Amino acid sequence: MAVLKHEESFFNHKKVERLMKINGIVAKTKRKFKVAKNAKHNYPVAPNKLYLSDISYMRTKKGWLYLAAVLDAYTRKIVGFSMSERQTKKFIKNILLYTITQQKINGEIILHSDQGKQYASYSYRDLCKEYGFIQSMSGRGNCYDNAMMESFFHTLKTEKVYWQNYETRAEAKTSIFKYIEINYNRMRLHSGIGYKTPVEFEMLAKRLQN
């Protein structure tokens, strides 16, 4: 439906459902994800003003692979990500440095995360201060404070990871990298940003700012 709206093709949902059934097409995202009603926030939302960060994990036959990602709340773009077989302070710091380089950050940005020890460490806090980030953290035990980030991981897993059977971490890294950089950032349409892709919406926002 998102693609049809993006292309300004007008079909009601019943017709789409009927055609999908006839052609044996089913949606990948069967697993439900419910965003809590108290997940709203009062942060200023604009390009490069509010970033969300979190860690998730993927199963491979060689063990777990951890994915740390940073999402721009305005554009829905994944502006930085990194993968590792272990959750370390260096792992989290590297993703922040990568994000700073990629986005050419200029000015203060609110950086929201949970209260994990990697995000609460002195070295991470010092790095945030050095580059002008204002740290924000979810309430203890409340993952829904970071609902937009949780929604991204849900999308990644239901559209890609759950349909794979990764032999190695290297295989998983390649698969997840392609999904984020190509499918999610450049092809996936989001209703919250007017049925545009994150990269498309980011470019539009930059043109409006200039």
C-alpha atoms as a PDB file:
ATOM      1  CA  MET A   1       0.000   0.000   0.000  1.00  0.00           C
ATOM      2  CA  ALA A   2       2.863   2.383   0.819  1.00  0.00           C
ATOM      3  CA  VAL A   3       4.339   1.955  -2.668  1.00  0.00           C
ATOM      4  CA  LEU A   4       0.953   2.544  -4.302  1.00  0.00           C
ATOM      5  CA  LYS A   5       0.460   5.747  -2.314  1.00  0.00           C
ATOM      6  CA  HIS A   6       3.969   6.907  -3.170  1.00  0.00           C
ATOM      7  CA  GLU A   7       3.209   6.409  -6.867  1.00  0.00           C
ATOM      8  CA  GLU A   8      -0.200   8.065  -6.433  1.00  0.00           C
ATOM      9  CA  SER A   9      -2.019   4.919  -7.529  1.00  0.00           C
ATOM     10  CA  PHE A  10      -5.427   4.661  -5.894  1.00  0.00           C
ATOM     11  CA  PHE A  11      -6.706   1.244  -4.804  1.00  0.00           C
ATOM     12  CA  ASN A  12      -8.692   0.464  -1.694  1.00  0.00           C
ATOM     13  CA  HIS A  13      -7.198  -2.001   0.776  1.00  0.00           C
ATOM     14  CA  LYS A  14      -9.827  -4.679   0.056  1.00  0.00           C
ATOM     15  CA  LYS A  15      -8.814  -4.871  -3.601  1.00  0.00           C
ATOM     16  CA  VAL A  16      -5.148  -5.085  -2.629  1.00  0.00           C
ATOM     17  CA  GLU A  17      -5.912  -7.887  -0.148  1.00  0.00           C
ATOM     18  CA  ARG A  18      -7.902  -9.784  -2.802  1.00  0.00           C
ATOM     19  CA  LEU A  19      -5.131  -9.504  -5.406  1.00  0.00           C
ATOM     20  CA  MET A  20      -2.519 -10.582  -2.857  1.00  0.00           C
ATOM     21  CA  LYS A  21      -4.598 -13.643  -1.973  1.00  0.00           C
ATOM     22  CA  ILE A  22      -5.096 -14.591  -5.641  1.00  0.00           C
ATOM     23  CA  ASN A  23      -1.352 -14.334  -6.327  1.00  0.00           C
ATOM     24  CA  GLY A  24      -0.267 -16.049  -3.112  1.00  0.00           C
ATOM     25  CA  ILE A  25       1.427 -12.934  -1.709  1.00  0.00           C
ATOM     26  CA  VAL A  26       1.714 -12.521   2.061  1.00  0.00           C
ATOM     27  CA  ALA A  27       3.192  -9.763   4.189  1.00  0.00           C
ATOM     28  CA  LYS A  28       6.509 -10.547   5.838  1.00  0.00           C
ATOM     29  CA  THR A  29       5.789  -8.563   8.999  1.00  0.00           C
ATOM     30  CA  LYS A  30       3.390 -10.993  10.664  1.00  0.00           C
ATOM     31  CA  ARG A  31       4.823 -10.608  14.155  1.00  0.00           C
ATOM     32  CA  LYS A  32       3.041  -7.805  15.956  1.00  0.00           C
ATOM     33  CA  PHE A  33       4.832  -4.822  17.433  1.00  0.00           C
ATOM     34  CA  LYS A  34       2.877  -2.481  19.670  1.00  0.00           C
ATOM     35  CA  VAL A  35       4.215   0.963  20.502  1.00  0.00           C
ATOM     36  CA  ALA A  36       3.233   2.031  23.989  1.00  0.00           C
ATOM     37  CA  LYS A  37       0.979   5.071  24.268  1.00  0.00           C
ATOM     38  CA  ASN A  38       3.377   6.672  26.768  1.00  0.00           C
ATOM     39  CA  ALA A  39       6.231   6.587  24.226  1.00  0.00           C
ATOM     40  CA  LYS A  40       5.566  10.204  23.240  1.00  0.00           C
ATOM     41  CA  HIS A  41       8.259  12.774  24.037  1.00  0.00           C
ATOM     42  CA  ASN A  42       8.680  16.543  24.072  1.00  0.00           C
ATOM     43  CA  TYR A  43      12.071  16.690  22.382  1.00  0.00           C
ATOM     44  CA  PRO A  44      12.472  19.093  19.446  1.00  0.00           C
ATOM     45  CA  VAL A  45      12.301  16.961  16.297  1.00  0.00           C
ATOM     46  CA  ALA A  46      14.178  18.306  13.266  1.00  0.00           C
ATOM     47  CA  PRO A  47      17.034  17.026  11.071  1.00  0.00           C
ATOM     48  CA  ASN A  48      20.135  16.241  13.144  1.00  0.00           C
ATOM     49  CA  LYS A  49      18.419  17.322  16.384  1.00  0.00           C
ATOM     50  CA  LEU A  50      17.316  14.044  17.981  1.00  0.00           C
ATOM     51  CA  TYR A  51      19.148  10.758  17.517  1.00  0.00           C
ATOM     52  CA  LEU A  52      18.065   7.432  19.019  1.00  0.00           C
ATOM     53  CA  SER A  53      20.544   4.653  19.741  1.00  0.00           C
ATOM     54  CA  ASP A  54      20.204   1.043  20.808  1.00  0.00           C
ATOM     55  CA  ILE A  55      21.672  -2.453  20.505  1.00  0.00           C
ATOM     56  CA  SER A  56      20.037  -5.640  19.234  1.00  0.00           C
ATOM     57  CA  TYR A  57      21.317  -9.128  18.447  1.00  0.00           C
ATOM     58  CA  MET A  58      20.994 -11.682  15.662  1.00  0.00           C
ATOM     59  CA  ARG A  59      21.517 -15.430  15.819  1.00  0.00           C
ATOM     60  CA  THR A  60      24.042 -17.185  13.582  1.00  0.00           C
ATOM     61  CA  LYS A  61      25.303 -20.776  13.675  1.00  0.00           C
ATOM     62  CA  LYS A  62      28.633 -19.428  14.960  1.00  0.00           C
ATOM     63  CA  GLY A  63      27.063 -17.422  17.777  1.00  0.00           C
ATOM     64  CA  TRP A  64      25.388 -14.082  18.420  1.00  0.00           C
ATOM     65  CA  LEU A  65      26.036 -10.973  16.328  1.00  0.00           C
ATOM     66  CA  TYR A  66      25.342  -7.624  17.999  1.00  0.00           C
ATOM     67  CA  LEU A  67      24.107  -4.634  16.012  1.00  0.00           C
ATOM     68  CA  ALA A  68      24.340  -1.076  17.353  1.00  0.00           C
ATOM     69  CA  ALA A  69      22.463   1.560  15.377  1.00  0.00           C
ATOM     70  CA  VAL A  70      21.743   5.293  15.506  1.00  0.00           C
ATOM     71  CA  LEU A  71      18.516   6.638  13.995  1.00  0.00           C
ATOM     72  CA  ASP A  72      17.590  10.236  13.113  1.00  0.00           C
ATOM     73  CA  ALA A  73      14.098  10.707  14.584  1.00  0.00           C
ATOM     74  CA  TYR A  74      13.197  13.303  11.949  1.00  0.00           C
ATOM     75  CA  THR A  75      14.153  11.460   8.755  1.00  0.00           C
ATOM     76  CA  ARG A  76      13.895   7.856  10.094  1.00  0.00           C
ATOM     77  CA  LYS A  77      17.312   7.296   8.509  1.00  0.00           C
ATOM     78  CA  ILE A  78      19.831   4.964  10.118  1.00  0.00           C
ATOM     79  CA  VAL A  79      22.702   7.446  10.269  1.00  0.00           C
ATOM     80  CA  GLY A  80      25.217   5.025  11.749  1.00  0.00           C
ATOM     81  CA  PHE A  81      25.547   1.350  12.619  1.00  0.00           C
ATOM     82  CA  SER A  82      28.149  -1.225  13.536  1.00  0.00           C
ATOM     83  CA  MET A  83      28.243  -4.976  14.187  1.00  0.00           C
ATOM     84  CA  SER A  84      30.364  -7.030  16.567  1.00  0.00           C
ATOM     85  CA  GLU A  85      30.418 -10.412  18.288  1.00  0.00           C
ATOM     86  CA  ARG A  86      30.728  -8.692  21.684  1.00  0.00           C
ATOM     87  CA  GLN A  87      29.113  -5.713  23.395  1.00  0.00           C
ATOM     88  CA  THR A  88      31.996  -3.525  24.512  1.00  0.00           C
ATOM     89  CA  LYS A  89      32.500   0.154  25.337  1.00  0.00           C
ATOM     90  CA  LYS A  90      34.724   0.497  22.283  1.00  0.00           C
ATOM     91  CA  PHE A  91      31.989  -0.984  20.081  1.00  0.00           C
ATOM     92  CA  ILE A  92      29.526   1.711  21.158  1.00  0.00           C
ATOM     93  CA  LYS A  93      32.081   4.527  20.923  1.00  0.00           C
ATOM     94  CA  ASN A  94      33.041   3.491  17.388  1.00  0.00           C
ATOM     95  CA  ILE A  95      29.450   3.740  16.184  1.00  0.00           C
ATOM     96  CA  LEU A  96      29.188   7.261  17.595  1.00  0.00           C
ATOM     97  CA  LEU A  97      32.417   8.339  15.878  1.00  0.00           C
ATOM     98  CA  TYR A  98      31.214   6.790  12.605  1.00  0.00           C
ATOM     99  CA  THR A  99      27.922   8.682  12.863  1.00  0.00           C
ATOM    100  CA  ILE A 100      29.713  11.987  13.504  1.00  0.00           C
ATOM    101  CA  THR A 101      31.875  11.489  10.408  1.00  0.00           C
ATOM    102  CA  GLN A 102      29.050  10.347   8.127  1.00  0.00           C
ATOM    103  CA  GLN A 103      26.592  13.089   9.074  1.00  0.00           C
ATOM    104  CA  LYS A 104      29.103  15.955   9.314  1.00  0.00           C
ATOM    105  CA  ILE A 105      27.437  16.972  12.564  1.00  0.00           C
ATOM    106  CA  ASN A 106      27.416  20.654  13.463  1.00  0.00           C
ATOM    107  CA  GLY A 107      25.617  21.784  16.602  1.00  0.00           C
ATOM    108  CA  GLU A 108      24.078  20.134  19.648  1.00  0.00           C
ATOM    109  CA  ILE A 109      22.088  16.920  19.208  1.00  0.00           C
ATOM    110  CA  ILE A 110      20.027  15.042  21.774  1.00  0.00           C
ATOM    111  CA  LEU A 111      21.239  11.430  21.830  1.00  0.00           C
ATOM    112  CA  HIS A 112      18.715   9.078  23.426  1.00  0.00           C
ATOM    113  CA  SER A 113      19.415   5.514  24.597  1.00  0.00           C
ATOM    114  CA  ASP A 114      18.538   3.096  27.358  1.00  0.00           C
ATOM    115  CA  GLN A 115      20.478   2.911  30.627  1.00  0.00           C
ATOM    116  CA  GLY A 116      22.835   0.152  29.480  1.00  0.00           C
ATOM    117  CA  LYS A 117      26.307   0.219  30.992  1.00  0.00           C
ATOM    118  CA  GLN A 118      27.907   0.919  27.601  1.00  0.00           C
ATOM    119  CA  TYR A 119      25.916   4.145  27.266  1.00  0.00           C
ATOM    120  CA  ALA A 120      26.388   5.101  30.922  1.00  0.00           C
ATOM    121  CA  SER A 121      30.173   4.589  30.990  1.00  0.00           C
ATOM    122  CA  TYR A 122      32.416   7.573  31.709  1.00  0.00           C
ATOM    123  CA  SER A 123      34.291   7.151  28.424  1.00  0.00           C
ATOM    124  CA  TYR A 124      31.043   7.272  26.409  1.00  0.00           C
ATOM    125  CA  ARG A 125      29.761  10.269  28.371  1.00  0.00           C
ATOM    126  CA  ASP A 126      33.051  12.080  27.783  1.00  0.00           C
ATOM    127  CA  LEU A 127      32.850  11.373  24.043  1.00  0.00           C
ATOM    128  CA  CYS A 128      29.298  12.754  23.932  1.00  0.00           C
ATOM    129  CA  LYS A 129      30.396  15.946  25.686  1.00  0.00           C
ATOM    130  CA  GLU A 130      33.405  16.330  23.400  1.00  0.00           C
ATOM    131  CA  TYR A 131      31.194  16.377  20.290  1.00  0.00           C
ATOM    132  CA  GLY A 132      28.303  18.357  21.723  1.00  0.00           C
ATOM    133  CA  PHE A 133      25.760  15.566  22.257  1.00  0.00           C
ATOM    134  CA  ILE A 134      23.184  15.977  25.018  1.00  0.00           C
ATOM    135  CA  GLN A 135      22.558  12.559  26.540  1.00  0.00           C
ATOM    136  CA  SER A 136      19.042  11.372  27.295  1.00  0.00           C
ATOM    137  CA  MET A 137      18.103   7.981  28.728  1.00  0.00           C
ATOM    138  CA  SER A 138      14.946   5.885  29.003  1.00  0.00           C
ATOM    139  CA  GLY A 139      13.372   5.178  32.354  1.00  0.00           C
ATOM    140  CA  ARG A 140      14.871   2.067  33.930  1.00  0.00           C
ATOM    141  CA  GLY A 141      13.311  -1.075  32.456  1.00  0.00           C
ATOM    142  CA  ASN A 142      11.118   0.873  30.030  1.00  0.00           C
ATOM    143  CA  CYS A 143      12.194  -0.057  26.495  1.00  0.00           C
ATOM    144  CA  TYR A 144       9.194   1.764  25.017  1.00  0.00           C
ATOM    145  CA  ASP A 145      10.792   5.134  25.822  1.00  0.00           C
ATOM    146  CA  ASN A 146      12.921   4.264  22.771  1.00  0.00           C
ATOM    147  CA  ALA A 147       9.991   2.975  20.724  1.00  0.00           C
ATOM    148  CA  MET A 148      11.114   4.298  17.330  1.00  0.00           C
ATOM    149  CA  MET A 149      14.423   2.465  17.646  1.00  0.00           C
ATOM    150  CA  GLU A 150      12.674  -0.698  18.787  1.00  0.00           C
ATOM    151  CA  SER A 151      10.373  -0.411  15.767  1.00  0.00           C
ATOM    152  CA  PHE A 152      13.394  -0.284  13.435  1.00  0.00           C
ATOM    153  CA  PHE A 153      14.849  -3.482  14.910  1.00  0.00           C
ATOM    154  CA  HIS A 154      11.447  -5.145  14.612  1.00  0.00           C
ATOM    155  CA  THR A 155      11.289  -4.166  10.928  1.00  0.00           C
ATOM    156  CA  LEU A 156      14.818  -5.398  10.273  1.00  0.00           C
ATOM    157  CA  LYS A 157      14.131  -8.770  11.862  1.00  0.00           C
ATOM    158  CA  THR A 158      10.693  -9.434  10.376  1.00  0.00           C
ATOM    159  CA  GLU A 159      11.621  -8.266   6.873  1.00  0.00           C
ATOM    160  CA  LYS A 160      15.119  -9.770   6.717  1.00  0.00           C
ATOM    161  CA  VAL A 161      16.712 -11.605   9.640  1.00  0.00           C
ATOM    162  CA  TYR A 162      13.883 -14.041  10.497  1.00  0.00           C
ATOM    163  CA  TRP A 163      13.862 -15.199   6.870  1.00  0.00           C
ATOM    164  CA  GLN A 164      17.555 -16.095   6.896  1.00  0.00           C
ATOM    165  CA  ASN A 165      19.572 -18.909   8.430  1.00  0.00           C
ATOM    166  CA  TYR A 166      22.984 -17.345   8.814  1.00  0.00           C
ATOM    167  CA  GLU A 167      25.922 -19.753   8.850  1.00  0.00           C
ATOM    168  CA  THR A 168      28.507 -17.201  10.014  1.00  0.00           C
ATOM    169  CA  ARG A 169      28.678 -13.715  11.481  1.00  0.00           C
ATOM    170  CA  ALA A 170      30.357 -12.514   8.285  1.00  0.00           C
ATOM    171  CA  GLU A 171      27.360 -13.680   6.247  1.00  0.00           C
ATOM    172  CA  ALA A 172      24.979 -11.937   8.638  1.00  0.00           C
ATOM    173  CA  LYS A 173      27.014  -8.722   8.533  1.00  0.00           C
ATOM    174  CA  THR A 174      26.866  -8.570   4.739  1.00  0.00           C
ATOM    175  CA  SER A 175      23.127  -9.283   4.690  1.00  0.00           C
ATOM    176  CA  ILE A 176      22.281  -6.703   7.367  1.00  0.00           C
ATOM    177  CA  PHE A 177      24.566  -4.062   5.831  1.00  0.00           C
ATOM    178  CA  LYS A 178      22.807  -4.377   2.458  1.00  0.00           C
ATOM    179  CA  TYR A 179      19.371  -4.278   4.072  1.00  0.00           C
ATOM    180  CA  ILE A 180      20.076  -1.086   6.029  1.00  0.00           C
ATOM    181  CA  GLU A 181      21.989   0.845   3.371  1.00  0.00           C
ATOM    182  CA  ILE A 182      19.909  -0.195   0.354  1.00  0.00           C
ATOM    183  CA  ASN A 183      16.478  -1.449   1.414  1.00  0.00           C
ATOM    184  CA  TYR A 184      15.792   0.524   4.583  1.00  0.00           C
ATOM    185  CA  ASN A 185      17.487   3.877   3.951  1.00  0.00           C
ATOM    186  CA  ARG A 186      16.998   4.123   0.181  1.00  0.00           C
ATOM    187  CA  MET A 187      13.973   2.010  -0.786  1.00  0.00           C
ATOM    188  CA  ARG A 188      11.624   1.515   2.166  1.00  0.00           C
ATOM    189  CA  LEU A 189       8.743   4.009   2.292  1.00  0.00           C
ATOM    190  CA  HIS A 190       7.583   5.369   5.656  1.00  0.00           C
ATOM    191  CA  SER A 191       4.078   6.651   6.316  1.00  0.00           C
ATOM    192  CA  GLY A 192       5.431   8.934   9.060  1.00  0.00           C
ATOM    193  CA  ILE A 193       7.454  10.946   6.529  1.00  0.00           C
ATOM    194  CA  GLY A 194       4.864  11.173   3.774  1.00  0.00           C
ATOM    195  CA  TYR A 195       5.573   7.812   2.117  1.00  0.00           C
ATOM    196  CA  LYS A 196       9.134   8.761   1.240  1.00  0.00           C
ATOM    197  CA  THR A 197      12.375   6.917   1.882  1.00  0.00           C
ATOM    198  CA  PRO A 198      14.646   8.206   4.675  1.00  0.00           C
ATOM    199  CA  VAL A 199      17.328   9.325   2.204  1.00  0.00           C
ATOM    200  CA  GLU A 200      14.727  11.016  -0.009  1.00  0.00           C
ATOM    201  CA  PHE A 201      13.205  12.815   2.983  1.00  0.00           C
ATOM    202  CA  GLU A 202      16.634  13.860   4.279  1.00  0.00           C
ATOM    203  CA  MET A 203      17.524  15.404   0.922  1.00  0.00           C
ATOM    204  CA  LEU A 204      14.191  17.239   0.839  1.00  0.00           C
ATOM    205  CA  ALA A 205      14.763  18.595   4.347  1.00  0.00           C
ATOM    206  CA  LYS A 206      18.225  19.847   3.407  1.00  0.00           C
ATOM    207  CA  ARG A 207      16.852  21.662   0.346  1.00  0.00           C
ATOM    208  CA  LEU A 208      14.202  23.374   2.478  1.00  0.00           C
ATOM    209  CA  GLN A 209      16.860  24.478   4.985  1.00  0.00           C
ATOM    210  CA  ASN A 210      19.035  26.099   2.311  1.00  0.00           C
END
